[in-house]
Amino acid sequence: MSEPWRPIYLSAKVFGHLSQGLYRTPAGAIKELISNSFDADSKLVRIHTDFPRFETFSCEDNGSGMSPDEFQRLMNRGIGSSYKRISNKVVTPELQRPFIGRLGLGILSLAQICTRFDIISHHKDSKSAFRATILFPAYTRTEMDKLVRRSSSSDADEQIQGGQFQIVDEQYDPAKHGLRIFTKYAREPFRKRMRSLKRYANKKVFNVMEPYKTFNTYLDAIYDKKTTIRSLNLLSDYDQLLFGLALASPLPYVADRNVAVQLPMIRDRQTELQKFAFRVEVDNMSLTHPCCLPSDRDGHTVKDCRITKSQKETFELVDGSARERLAVTQHQVTLKKSDERFNLYEIRYSNKDVAGSPLEFTGYLFQQTGRLYPRDIQGVLIRLHNVAIGKYDNSMLTYPYAEGPRYSMISCELFVKSGFEDALNIDRDSFNELHPHYIRVQSYIHSLLHDRIFPETWTEEKARNQKRRSLAAAERETRFVESYRKTTGDAIRKIQAIDKPKSDRKAKPAAVSPVEFETRRGQIEIDRTHPLLQPLFRRRKHAPIVEKLVIAFERSNDEATAARRREIFYRLLAEIFSEL
């Protein structure tokens, strides 16, 4: 005789959130399972997506598991009041990891991608085991909205049936401790989107239609400088899923792919993450932190970077009436065989009283001189309890000033040490932007960018662009002089421009040529103060072209025959316009 189906009771408030689609992406839902495994002291999480069919999905770990009593408590209005925070525990019992979970929503996170799934758990502490099946209701949106409206009309937080479950005891096996979740009832929209692999990066870059063999291969594909993938939205949903899971999870950086690991603060964080001994595999591929810095069109890597100078910089944080004078450490990063210079800022903030409670965070801000690719690593990412909350915010937490492409040159990661938790929305994927802690972090980033980073960037960029324009102009002049020698046979090495009349020389009349070909001195002298040339040199940006055109005209006029004049002029003209 089969086990009876029992109702899953949810708080009306929790059901209201679930009914609206709690998670924005499949990665947002699945990351809750990973967080649960982290909190259960699991050392390994294995996820299988059934690539490329996506008919089934499984997630299993080797953590402490869940007891039958705890499972049934969650099914009876326990969702939204996780035992991890009721018991005031702050770290896991075995590996002393900081707890991630708070609301106990992870167990129902799969409602986003499937209609039914099975759980098998072997609980290490109670030495008990169970198997359960969870069935999500096929509520229509209209039915869900009616239930939520009915409950909201009452002051009491009613309970709503949010599905059904079956449970049966199993024989405990200590060799199988942990939790396994499996489904073959993936929702059709999930299957359809995941099966769309026309833009699969492994296929686009390496012409391979199979799961990635290593995470480095995946990173090589999405950071490929030949294709310069502007956004992960232009890749397959499977690629986006991998990135989202790798970004959200508390995983170490790839040291030789992120220059921020050269900072002592991030090295300490790297050591802490490694001590957690936490591994996440997706389709037999082990994930790591997916952000690679630098990441530009020139293909610069960490091997090209070297921190050459570090200094303290100050700025004023303005948050309403609150004002603080703060400091950041700026590290200048030079590149091999390049005049470019990147910047790495080390962030530390601590205040014991932000609207009555403490707030502390650290982090880094990386700034390169060209756009970061893909755009998914541009902006600000906030981590709470080592887990990424949402994605990189490329609006810089709604920065209010226009800075054009400079937004796209910055990648910032903040690690909250205390506070901020009450600012977290129930989806663990976004924030209440009116919470004082969120506003303080926002004010910190905005003040740092406006007072320190963007003004300095503008000055550096202006000087660098001027230098590049000067070098480019010198190279163009060298090529023109070389072509001039071959065309005319004159032994000329340089062009000398006169911008002001010499004190010992009278101004040339209009009838005299403004150009002197001084072959003995190996130069061409062009007088920009000549009456006929002054109107032509009013637009500085056109001056190099005007100069060469005048030289071509005057030199061709020195030839004896019309045919030779025509030949010289058009050959020099071809050289001039070949550079446009």
Protein backbone atom coordinates (compact mmCIF):
# COMPACT_ATOMS: atom_id res chain seq x y z
CA MET A 1 0.00 0.00 0.00
CA SER A 2 1.41 3.34 -1.04
CA GLU A 3 2.09 6.07 1.48
CA PRO A 4 -0.62 8.74 1.81
CA TRP A 5 -0.09 12.19 0.38
CA ARG A 6 0.15 14.88 3.03
CA PRO A 7 -0.35 18.61 2.53
CA ILE A 8 2.58 21.07 2.56
CA TYR A 9 1.53 24.09 4.59
CA LEU A 10 3.15 27.43 3.94
CA SER A 11 2.79 30.79 5.53
CA ALA A 12 0.60 32.97 3.29
CA LYS A 13 3.45 35.51 3.10
CA VAL A 14 5.93 32.89 1.93
CA PHE A 15 3.39 31.49 -0.54
CA GLY A 16 2.88 34.98 -1.90
CA HIS A 17 6.56 35.25 -2.70
CA LEU A 18 6.67 31.77 -4.22
CA SER A 19 3.62 32.52 -6.36
CA GLN A 20 5.40 35.49 -7.93
CA GLY A 21 8.37 33.36 -9.00
CA LEU A 22 10.88 33.60 -6.19
CA TYR A 23 14.05 33.30 -8.27
CA ARG A 24 14.96 35.21 -11.40
CA THR A 25 17.00 32.43 -13.01
CA PRO A 26 17.46 28.64 -12.68
CA ALA A 27 20.86 29.37 -11.13
CA GLY A 28 19.11 31.46 -8.47
CA ALA A 29 16.96 28.47 -7.50
CA ILE A 30 19.70 25.85 -7.65
CA LYS A 31 22.14 27.96 -5.63
CA GLU A 32 19.78 27.50 -2.65
CA LEU A 33 20.47 23.76 -2.79
CA ILE A 34 24.21 24.50 -2.82
CA SER A 35 23.83 26.83 0.16
CA ASN A 36 21.98 24.10 2.06
CA SER A 37 24.80 21.68 1.33
CA PHE A 38 27.37 24.22 2.51
CA ASP A 39 25.46 24.67 5.77
CA ALA A 40 25.27 20.88 6.19
CA ASP A 41 29.10 20.67 6.24
CA SER A 42 29.14 18.93 2.88
CA LYS A 43 32.54 18.74 1.21
CA LEU A 44 31.19 17.88 -2.22
CA VAL A 45 28.03 18.79 -4.13
CA ARG A 46 27.37 16.97 -7.39
CA ILE A 47 24.85 18.42 -9.83
CA HIS A 48 23.82 16.63 -13.03
CA THR A 49 21.67 18.40 -15.63
CA ASP A 50 21.33 15.56 -18.15
CA PHE A 51 23.08 17.69 -20.80
CA PRO A 52 22.00 18.07 -23.65
CA ARG A 53 18.52 16.53 -23.10
CA PHE A 54 17.77 18.14 -19.73
CA GLU A 55 15.06 15.56 -19.00
CA THR A 56 16.32 14.93 -15.47
CA PHE A 57 18.09 16.86 -12.76
CA SER A 58 19.88 15.72 -9.62
CA CYS A 59 21.80 17.31 -6.75
CA GLU A 60 23.55 15.24 -4.10
CA ASP A 61 25.96 16.03 -1.30
CA ASN A 62 27.91 14.24 1.43
CA GLY A 63 26.89 16.55 4.28
CA SER A 64 25.09 15.79 7.52
CA GLY A 65 21.72 15.28 5.84
CA MET A 66 18.26 16.09 7.22
CA SER A 67 16.28 14.18 9.83
CA PRO A 68 12.71 13.00 9.11
CA ASP A 69 11.42 15.21 11.95
CA GLU A 70 13.11 18.32 10.54
CA PHE A 71 11.73 17.58 7.07
CA GLN A 72 8.19 17.25 8.40
CA ARG A 73 8.57 20.44 10.43
CA LEU A 74 9.50 22.29 7.23
CA MET A 75 6.46 20.85 5.47
CA ASN A 76 4.21 22.20 8.24
CA ARG A 77 4.79 25.98 8.04
CA GLY A 78 8.50 25.57 8.73
CA ILE A 79 9.43 27.20 5.42
CA GLY A 80 10.42 30.76 6.25
CA SER A 81 11.68 30.04 9.76
CA SER A 82 14.85 28.04 9.35
CA TYR A 83 16.09 26.15 12.42
CA LYS A 84 19.61 27.42 11.60
CA ARG A 85 18.68 30.92 12.78
CA ILE A 86 16.11 29.91 15.42
CA SER A 87 18.89 28.12 17.28
CA ASN A 88 21.15 31.19 16.99
CA LYS A 89 23.88 29.11 15.44
CA VAL A 90 26.40 31.20 13.49
CA VAL A 91 28.79 28.50 12.26
CA THR A 92 28.43 24.89 11.20
CA PRO A 93 29.35 22.29 13.84
CA GLU A 94 32.06 20.37 11.97
CA LEU A 95 33.91 22.74 9.61
CA GLN A 96 33.01 26.00 11.39
CA ARG A 97 31.63 27.59 8.24
CA PRO A 98 29.48 30.71 8.64
CA PHE A 99 25.83 29.75 8.09
CA ILE A 100 24.31 30.94 4.82
CA GLY A 101 20.66 29.90 5.12
CA ARG A 102 18.09 31.85 7.06
CA LEU A 103 14.54 31.17 5.85
CA GLY A 104 14.62 27.46 4.97
CA LEU A 105 13.42 28.14 1.43
CA GLY A 106 16.04 25.96 -0.23
CA ILE A 107 13.95 22.82 0.04
CA LEU A 108 11.27 24.32 -2.21
CA SER A 109 13.59 26.20 -4.55
CA LEU A 110 13.17 23.49 -7.18
CA ALA A 111 9.54 24.54 -7.63
CA GLN A 112 10.99 27.00 -10.15
CA ILE A 113 12.29 24.27 -12.46
CA CYS A 114 10.18 21.15 -11.82
CA THR A 115 6.70 20.03 -10.71
CA ARG A 116 7.82 17.05 -8.63
CA PHE A 117 11.02 15.70 -7.09
CA ASP A 118 12.31 13.03 -4.70
CA ILE A 119 14.53 13.43 -1.65
CA ILE A 120 16.66 10.76 -0.02
CA SER A 121 18.38 11.72 3.21
CA HIS A 122 20.68 9.89 5.62
CA HIS A 123 21.05 12.05 8.71
CA LYS A 124 24.41 11.67 10.45
CA ASP A 125 23.42 13.04 13.89
CA SER A 126 20.14 11.16 14.44
CA LYS A 127 21.28 8.11 12.49
CA SER A 128 17.95 8.13 10.66
CA ALA A 129 17.00 8.11 7.00
CA PHE A 130 13.94 8.76 4.86
CA ARG A 131 12.73 9.01 1.30
CA ALA A 132 10.18 11.64 0.34
CA THR A 133 8.40 12.87 -2.76
CA ILE A 134 7.27 16.47 -3.10
CA LEU A 135 4.53 17.40 -5.55
CA PHE A 136 3.96 21.02 -6.46
CA PRO A 137 0.37 22.10 -7.22
CA ALA A 138 -0.59 22.97 -10.77
CA TYR A 139 -2.07 26.26 -9.64
CA THR A 140 -2.82 28.76 -12.35
CA ARG A 141 -1.64 32.31 -11.82
CA THR A 142 -5.26 33.38 -11.25
CA GLU A 143 -5.78 30.74 -8.54
CA MET A 144 -2.52 31.68 -6.80
CA ASP A 145 -3.40 35.36 -6.84
CA LYS A 146 -6.84 34.61 -5.33
CA LEU A 147 -5.25 32.68 -2.46
CA VAL A 148 -2.78 35.46 -1.78
CA ARG A 149 -5.49 38.17 -1.89
CA ARG A 150 -7.72 36.19 0.43
CA SER A 151 -4.97 35.78 2.99
CA SER A 152 -3.85 39.41 2.70
CA SER A 153 -7.35 40.61 3.59
CA SER A 154 -6.90 39.04 7.01
CA ASP A 155 -4.63 40.37 9.72
CA ALA A 156 -3.51 36.84 10.58
CA ASP A 157 -0.81 35.18 8.54
CA GLU A 158 -2.92 32.26 7.31
CA GLN A 159 -1.56 28.92 6.26
CA ILE A 160 -1.98 27.88 2.63
CA GLN A 161 -1.54 24.45 1.14
CA GLY A 162 1.40 24.76 -1.22
CA GLY A 163 1.65 21.19 -2.46
CA GLN A 164 1.80 17.62 -1.20
CA PHE A 165 4.42 15.19 0.02
CA GLN A 166 4.89 11.53 0.80
CA ILE A 167 7.48 10.23 3.25
CA VAL A 168 8.73 6.77 4.16
CA ASP A 169 11.47 5.71 6.57
CA GLU A 170 14.63 4.13 5.19
CA GLN A 171 17.36 2.05 6.76
CA TYR A 172 20.16 4.42 7.83
CA ASP A 173 23.51 3.80 6.14
CA PRO A 174 26.47 5.80 7.55
CA ALA A 175 28.28 5.44 4.23
CA LYS A 176 25.44 7.36 2.52
CA HIS A 177 25.12 10.34 4.87
CA GLY A 178 23.96 13.43 3.05
CA LEU A 179 21.07 14.49 0.84
CA ARG A 180 20.10 13.50 -2.69
CA ILE A 181 17.46 15.32 -4.71
CA PHE A 182 16.28 13.97 -8.05
CA THR A 183 13.59 14.88 -10.56
CA LYS A 184 12.47 13.74 -13.98
CA TYR A 185 9.63 16.24 -14.07
CA ALA A 186 11.44 19.35 -15.29
CA ARG A 187 9.11 22.14 -16.34
CA GLU A 188 8.76 22.56 -20.09
CA PRO A 189 10.04 26.19 -20.17
CA PHE A 190 13.18 25.06 -18.32
CA ARG A 191 13.80 22.14 -20.70
CA LYS A 192 13.11 24.27 -23.76
CA ARG A 193 15.50 27.06 -22.78
CA MET A 194 18.28 24.75 -21.63
CA ARG A 195 18.07 22.66 -24.82
CA SER A 196 18.66 25.74 -26.97
CA LEU A 197 22.39 25.27 -27.57
CA LYS A 198 22.94 27.18 -30.81
CA ARG A 199 24.93 29.77 -28.85
CA TYR A 200 26.75 27.25 -26.65
CA ALA A 201 30.25 28.70 -26.07
CA ASN A 202 31.99 25.31 -26.22
CA LYS A 203 30.53 24.87 -29.71
CA LYS A 204 31.17 28.47 -30.83
CA VAL A 205 34.79 28.62 -29.69
CA PHE A 206 36.05 25.02 -29.74
CA ASN A 207 33.47 23.35 -32.02
CA VAL A 208 32.68 20.79 -29.30
CA MET A 209 29.06 19.83 -28.54
CA GLU A 210 29.52 18.19 -25.15
CA PRO A 211 29.85 19.34 -21.52
CA TYR A 212 33.05 21.20 -20.65
CA LYS A 213 35.81 18.89 -19.47
CA THR A 214 37.32 21.45 -17.07
CA PHE A 215 36.29 24.83 -15.69
CA ASN A 216 39.40 26.37 -17.25
CA THR A 217 38.05 25.28 -20.63
CA TYR A 218 34.78 27.02 -19.81
CA LEU A 219 36.63 30.20 -18.82
CA ASP A 220 38.70 30.03 -22.00
CA ALA A 221 35.46 29.88 -23.97
CA ILE A 222 33.63 32.81 -22.36
CA TYR A 223 36.74 35.02 -22.14
CA ASP A 224 37.97 34.15 -25.64
CA LYS A 225 39.59 37.33 -27.00
CA LYS A 226 38.99 36.31 -30.63
CA THR A 227 35.22 36.26 -30.27
CA THR A 228 35.11 38.95 -27.50
CA ILE A 229 31.80 37.82 -26.00
CA ARG A 230 30.12 41.04 -24.95
CA SER A 231 27.55 39.46 -22.65
CA LEU A 232 26.62 36.02 -21.36
CA ASN A 233 23.09 36.81 -22.55
CA LEU A 234 24.46 36.17 -26.05
CA LEU A 235 25.42 32.63 -25.01
CA SER A 236 23.28 29.61 -24.15
CA ASP A 237 21.25 29.33 -20.97
CA TYR A 238 23.50 26.42 -19.98
CA ASP A 239 26.56 28.73 -20.10
CA GLN A 240 24.66 31.27 -18.01
CA LEU A 241 23.67 28.57 -15.51
CA LEU A 242 27.31 27.53 -15.02
CA PHE A 243 28.42 31.13 -14.52
CA GLY A 244 25.58 31.87 -12.10
CA LEU A 245 26.27 28.80 -9.94
CA ALA A 246 30.03 29.41 -9.91
CA LEU A 247 29.57 33.08 -9.03
CA ALA A 248 27.01 32.49 -6.27
CA SER A 249 28.83 29.69 -4.47
CA PRO A 250 31.50 30.25 -1.77
CA LEU A 251 34.37 29.04 -3.96
CA PRO A 252 38.04 30.11 -4.30
CA TYR A 253 39.37 32.25 -7.14
CA VAL A 254 41.51 30.94 -9.97
CA ALA A 255 44.69 32.65 -8.77
CA ASP A 256 46.31 33.04 -12.19
CA ARG A 257 43.13 34.57 -13.68
CA ASN A 258 42.28 37.32 -11.18
CA VAL A 259 44.83 40.02 -10.33
CA ALA A 260 42.92 40.86 -7.13
CA VAL A 261 44.36 37.68 -5.57
CA GLN A 262 47.67 39.58 -5.36
CA LEU A 263 46.13 41.69 -2.56
CA PRO A 264 46.85 40.39 0.99
CA MET A 265 43.14 40.81 1.84
CA ILE A 266 42.03 38.57 -1.01
CA ARG A 267 44.82 36.07 -0.35
CA ASP A 268 43.51 35.78 3.21
CA ARG A 269 40.01 35.29 1.86
CA GLN A 270 41.31 32.68 -0.57
CA THR A 271 42.90 30.79 2.34
CA GLU A 272 39.62 30.95 4.28
CA LEU A 273 37.62 29.60 1.33
CA GLN A 274 40.12 26.79 0.84
CA LYS A 275 39.78 25.86 4.53
CA PHE A 276 36.06 25.40 3.98
CA ALA A 277 37.01 22.41 1.77
CA PHE A 278 33.86 22.92 -0.29
CA ARG A 279 33.59 21.65 -3.86
CA VAL A 280 30.77 22.01 -6.36
CA GLU A 281 30.63 19.88 -9.51
CA VAL A 282 28.26 20.41 -12.42
CA ASP A 283 28.21 17.61 -14.96
CA ASN A 284 31.51 16.30 -13.55
CA MET A 285 33.20 19.71 -13.83
CA SER A 286 34.49 21.34 -10.64
CA LEU A 287 33.54 25.05 -10.37
CA THR A 288 35.62 27.98 -9.16
CA HIS A 289 35.03 31.74 -8.89
CA PRO A 290 34.41 32.75 -12.56
CA CYS A 291 35.53 36.42 -12.57
CA CYS A 292 38.77 36.95 -14.52
CA LEU A 293 40.58 40.28 -14.16
CA PRO A 294 41.88 41.90 -16.29
CA SER A 295 39.65 41.06 -19.23
CA ASP A 296 40.02 43.36 -22.25
CA ARG A 297 40.17 43.25 -26.04
CA ASP A 298 43.97 43.14 -25.97
CA GLY A 299 43.89 39.85 -24.11
CA HIS A 300 45.92 40.99 -21.10
CA THR A 301 46.20 38.40 -18.33
CA VAL A 302 47.43 38.29 -14.75
CA LYS A 303 50.88 37.31 -16.08
CA ASP A 304 51.09 40.74 -17.76
CA CYS A 305 50.27 42.59 -14.52
CA ARG A 306 52.52 43.80 -11.75
CA ILE A 307 51.65 45.97 -8.75
CA THR A 308 54.27 48.73 -8.80
CA LYS A 309 52.97 51.35 -6.38
CA SER A 310 50.59 51.49 -3.43
CA GLN A 311 49.29 54.57 -1.65
CA LYS A 312 46.49 55.70 0.64
CA GLU A 313 43.78 57.87 -0.92
CA THR A 314 41.02 59.64 1.00
CA PHE A 315 37.47 60.62 0.10
CA GLU A 316 34.37 61.83 1.92
CA LEU A 317 31.39 59.50 2.30
CA VAL A 318 28.13 61.44 2.23
CA ASP A 319 24.98 59.64 3.35
CA GLY A 320 22.32 62.26 4.02
CA SER A 321 23.46 64.14 7.10
CA ALA A 322 26.09 61.51 7.90
CA ARG A 323 29.61 62.32 6.72
CA GLU A 324 32.77 60.29 7.14
CA ARG A 325 36.33 60.86 5.96
CA LEU A 326 37.54 57.49 4.73
CA ALA A 327 40.63 55.99 3.14
CA VAL A 328 41.22 53.32 0.52
CA THR A 329 44.51 51.81 -0.58
CA GLN A 330 45.17 52.33 -4.28
CA HIS A 331 47.48 49.84 -5.97
CA GLN A 332 48.80 50.79 -9.41
CA VAL A 333 49.04 47.86 -11.81
CA THR A 334 51.44 48.17 -14.74
CA LEU A 335 51.38 45.97 -17.84
CA LYS A 336 54.25 44.40 -19.71
CA LYS A 337 54.99 46.04 -23.06
CA SER A 338 52.20 48.58 -22.62
CA ASP A 339 51.83 52.17 -21.46
CA GLU A 340 48.46 51.33 -19.90
CA ARG A 341 48.04 51.34 -16.14
CA PHE A 342 45.24 49.62 -14.25
CA ASN A 343 44.18 50.33 -10.65
CA LEU A 344 43.22 48.04 -7.80
CA TYR A 345 41.53 49.58 -4.76
CA GLU A 346 41.45 47.83 -1.39
CA ILE A 347 38.21 48.57 0.49
CA ARG A 348 37.65 48.41 4.26
CA TYR A 349 34.68 49.92 6.09
CA SER A 350 33.45 49.54 9.67
CA ASN A 351 30.86 51.52 11.62
CA LYS A 352 29.28 50.30 14.86
CA ASP A 353 26.19 52.45 14.46
CA VAL A 354 24.50 52.66 11.09
CA ALA A 355 20.84 53.29 11.97
CA GLY A 356 21.38 51.56 15.31
CA SER A 357 23.31 48.45 14.23
CA PRO A 358 26.88 47.67 13.12
CA LEU A 359 27.94 47.45 9.48
CA GLU A 360 31.27 46.13 8.31
CA PHE A 361 32.47 45.13 4.86
CA THR A 362 35.67 44.73 2.90
CA GLY A 363 36.36 44.24 -0.79
CA TYR A 364 38.22 45.33 -3.87
CA LEU A 365 37.53 47.50 -6.88
CA PHE A 366 39.41 46.80 -10.11
CA GLN A 367 39.64 49.39 -12.86
CA GLN A 368 41.15 48.81 -16.28
CA THR A 369 41.49 51.27 -19.16
CA GLY A 370 39.16 49.50 -21.58
CA ARG A 371 35.80 47.76 -21.33
CA LEU A 372 35.60 44.58 -19.28
CA TYR A 373 34.31 41.55 -21.17
CA PRO A 374 31.86 40.00 -20.80
CA ARG A 375 29.73 42.80 -19.37
CA ASP A 376 28.46 40.38 -16.69
CA ILE A 377 31.56 41.14 -14.57
CA GLN A 378 31.09 44.91 -14.81
CA GLY A 379 29.67 46.69 -11.77
CA VAL A 380 29.29 45.86 -8.08
CA LEU A 381 28.70 42.42 -6.56
CA ILE A 382 27.75 42.09 -2.89
CA ARG A 383 28.45 38.89 -0.96
CA LEU A 384 26.68 38.03 2.26
CA HIS A 385 27.93 35.01 4.22
CA ASN A 386 30.25 34.30 1.27
CA VAL A 387 27.35 33.92 -1.18
CA ALA A 388 26.75 36.33 -4.06
CA ILE A 389 23.44 38.18 -3.80
CA GLY A 390 22.18 38.42 -7.37
CA LYS A 391 24.55 39.40 -10.16
CA TYR A 392 27.03 42.21 -10.74
CA ASP A 393 25.07 45.47 -10.70
CA ASN A 394 26.42 47.36 -13.71
CA SER A 395 24.50 50.49 -12.70
CA MET A 396 26.97 50.80 -9.79
CA LEU A 397 24.05 50.66 -7.33
CA THR A 398 22.22 53.29 -9.44
CA TYR A 399 25.11 55.77 -9.63
CA PRO A 400 23.43 59.13 -10.39
CA TYR A 401 26.00 60.80 -12.67
CA ALA A 402 26.77 60.23 -16.35
CA GLU A 403 30.24 58.73 -16.80
CA GLY A 404 29.79 57.07 -20.19
CA PRO A 405 32.01 54.06 -20.89
CA ARG A 406 33.89 54.42 -17.58
CA TYR A 407 31.16 52.31 -15.95
CA SER A 408 32.21 49.38 -18.09
CA MET A 409 35.83 49.53 -16.91
CA ILE A 410 35.09 48.68 -13.26
CA SER A 411 34.50 45.41 -11.43
CA CYS A 412 33.91 45.56 -7.68
CA GLU A 413 33.25 42.83 -5.11
CA LEU A 414 32.17 43.57 -1.54
CA PHE A 415 32.21 41.07 1.33
CA VAL A 416 29.81 41.89 4.16
CA LYS A 417 31.20 40.85 7.54
CA SER A 418 28.40 42.13 9.76
CA GLY A 419 25.05 43.78 9.23
CA PHE A 420 23.11 44.02 5.98
CA GLU A 421 21.17 40.82 6.56
CA ASP A 422 17.87 42.57 7.26
CA ALA A 423 18.28 44.39 3.93
CA LEU A 424 18.13 41.07 2.10
CA ASN A 425 14.86 40.27 0.30
CA ILE A 426 13.27 36.85 0.75
CA ASP A 427 14.55 35.67 -2.64
CA ARG A 428 18.16 36.09 -1.39
CA ASP A 429 18.76 37.56 -4.83
CA SER A 430 18.10 41.25 -4.23
CA PHE A 431 17.96 43.93 -1.53
CA ASN A 432 15.49 46.29 0.05
CA GLU A 433 17.01 49.47 -1.37
CA LEU A 434 15.46 51.61 1.36
CA HIS A 435 17.24 49.78 4.17
CA PRO A 436 19.84 52.00 5.94
CA HIS A 437 22.64 49.45 5.45
CA TYR A 438 22.00 49.24 1.72
CA ILE A 439 21.91 53.04 1.48
CA ARG A 440 25.21 53.30 3.38
CA VAL A 441 26.96 50.83 1.06
CA GLN A 442 25.45 52.64 -1.92
CA SER A 443 26.70 55.99 -0.58
CA TYR A 444 30.16 54.53 -0.01
CA ILE A 445 30.45 53.32 -3.62
CA HIS A 446 29.00 56.52 -5.08
CA SER A 447 31.27 58.77 -3.01
CA LEU A 448 34.37 56.73 -3.84
CA LEU A 449 33.60 56.80 -7.55
CA HIS A 450 32.63 60.46 -7.70
CA ASP A 451 35.36 61.91 -5.46
CA ARG A 452 38.31 59.71 -6.22
CA ILE A 453 38.09 57.21 -9.04
CA PHE A 454 36.30 58.88 -11.94
CA PRO A 455 38.13 62.27 -11.71
CA GLU A 456 41.49 60.51 -11.66
CA THR A 457 40.40 58.24 -14.48
CA TRP A 458 39.48 61.24 -16.63
CA THR A 459 42.88 62.89 -16.08
CA GLU A 460 44.80 59.69 -16.79
CA GLU A 461 42.70 58.90 -19.84
CA LYS A 462 43.19 62.38 -21.29
CA ALA A 463 46.98 62.20 -20.86
CA ARG A 464 47.15 58.67 -22.22
CA ASN A 465 45.03 59.52 -25.26
CA GLN A 466 47.17 62.60 -25.97
CA LYS A 467 50.31 60.47 -25.82
CA ARG A 468 48.81 57.88 -28.13
CA ARG A 469 47.70 60.54 -30.60
CA SER A 470 51.22 62.03 -30.61
CA LEU A 471 52.82 58.63 -31.21
CA ALA A 472 50.32 57.82 -33.95
CA ALA A 473 50.95 61.19 -35.63
CA ALA A 474 54.73 60.61 -35.48
CA GLU A 475 54.31 57.18 -37.06
CA ARG A 476 52.12 58.58 -39.83
CA GLU A 477 54.67 61.32 -40.53
CA THR A 478 57.49 58.76 -40.68
CA ARG A 479 55.54 56.68 -43.22
CA PHE A 480 54.77 59.79 -45.30
CA VAL A 481 58.41 60.92 -45.32
CA GLU A 482 59.50 57.45 -46.41
CA SER A 483 56.94 57.44 -49.23
CA TYR A 484 57.99 61.01 -50.16
CA ARG A 485 61.65 59.91 -50.52
CA LYS A 486 60.72 56.97 -52.73
CA THR A 487 58.42 59.10 -54.89
CA THR A 488 60.64 62.18 -55.35
CA GLY A 489 64.17 60.92 -54.70
CA ASP A 490 64.75 63.81 -52.25
CA ALA A 491 66.89 62.99 -49.19
CA ILE A 492 64.32 64.16 -46.63
CA ARG A 493 64.25 62.85 -43.04
CA LYS A 494 61.64 65.03 -41.29
CA ILE A 495 59.00 67.73 -41.61
CA GLN A 496 59.53 70.92 -39.62
CA ALA A 497 56.43 73.08 -38.96
CA ILE A 498 56.73 76.80 -38.15
CA ASP A 499 53.82 77.95 -35.98
CA LYS A 500 55.18 81.41 -35.11
CA PRO A 501 57.10 83.91 -37.29
CA LYS A 502 60.83 84.03 -36.49
CA SER A 503 61.95 87.35 -35.03
CA ASP A 504 64.67 87.77 -37.66
CA ARG A 505 62.46 86.86 -40.59
CA LYS A 506 59.83 88.94 -42.30
CA ALA A 507 56.45 87.40 -42.98
CA LYS A 508 56.26 85.81 -46.41
CA PRO A 509 54.04 87.47 -48.96
CA ALA A 510 51.19 85.45 -50.42
CA ALA A 511 53.03 85.05 -53.74
CA VAL A 512 55.91 83.11 -52.09
CA SER A 513 55.57 79.37 -51.43
CA PRO A 514 54.92 78.50 -47.76
CA VAL A 515 57.08 75.37 -48.13
CA GLU A 516 60.88 75.15 -48.34
CA PHE A 517 62.50 71.87 -49.40
CA GLU A 518 65.89 71.93 -47.68
CA THR A 519 67.51 68.78 -48.98
CA ARG A 520 70.92 69.72 -47.57
CA ARG A 521 69.48 69.79 -44.06
CA GLY A 522 67.28 66.81 -44.83
CA GLN A 523 64.01 68.48 -43.93
CA ILE A 524 60.87 70.10 -45.29
CA GLU A 525 59.96 73.38 -43.64
CA ILE A 526 56.31 74.44 -43.79
CA ASP A 527 55.28 77.88 -42.57
CA ARG A 528 51.84 77.66 -40.98
CA THR A 529 51.83 81.45 -40.47
CA HIS A 530 51.78 82.04 -44.25
CA PRO A 531 48.75 84.18 -45.25
CA LEU A 532 47.39 81.45 -47.54
CA LEU A 533 47.75 78.69 -44.91
CA GLN A 534 46.36 80.43 -41.83
CA PRO A 535 42.70 79.73 -42.72
CA LEU A 536 43.55 76.06 -43.38
CA PHE A 537 45.12 75.46 -39.97
CA ARG A 538 42.29 76.83 -37.87
CA ARG A 539 40.98 73.30 -37.22
CA ARG A 540 43.77 71.59 -35.30
CA LYS A 541 42.49 68.08 -35.89
CA HIS A 542 42.84 68.55 -39.68
CA ALA A 543 46.35 70.06 -39.47
CA PRO A 544 48.35 66.84 -40.26
CA ILE A 545 46.32 66.16 -43.43
CA VAL A 546 46.43 69.82 -44.56
CA GLU A 547 50.20 69.88 -44.02
CA LYS A 548 50.80 66.83 -46.22
CA LEU A 549 48.43 68.06 -48.93
CA VAL A 550 50.25 71.41 -49.09
CA ILE A 551 53.63 69.63 -49.30
CA ALA A 552 52.35 67.36 -52.09
CA PHE A 553 51.01 70.34 -54.05
CA GLU A 554 54.12 72.53 -53.66
CA ARG A 555 56.56 69.68 -54.41
CA SER A 556 54.74 68.61 -57.57
CA ASN A 557 54.84 72.22 -58.81
CA ASP A 558 58.64 72.03 -58.85
CA GLU A 559 58.57 69.48 -61.68
CA ALA A 560 59.24 70.68 -65.23
CA THR A 561 56.48 68.84 -67.08
CA ALA A 562 52.74 68.54 -66.48
CA ALA A 563 52.95 64.74 -66.68
CA ARG A 564 55.62 64.57 -63.99
CA ARG A 565 53.75 67.07 -61.81
CA ARG A 566 50.62 64.99 -62.11
CA GLU A 567 52.49 61.75 -61.29
CA ILE A 568 54.19 63.16 -58.16
CA PHE A 569 51.03 64.76 -56.86
CA TYR A 570 48.76 61.73 -57.24
CA ARG A 571 51.31 59.29 -55.82
CA LEU A 572 51.72 61.45 -52.73
CA LEU A 573 47.95 61.91 -52.54
CA ALA A 574 47.47 58.13 -52.54
CA GLU A 575 49.84 57.84 -49.57
CA ILE A 576 48.04 60.59 -47.64
CA PHE A 577 44.59 59.08 -48.09
CA SER A 578 45.74 55.52 -47.42
CA GLU A 579 45.98 56.50 -43.72
CA LEU A 580 42.42 57.82 -43.41
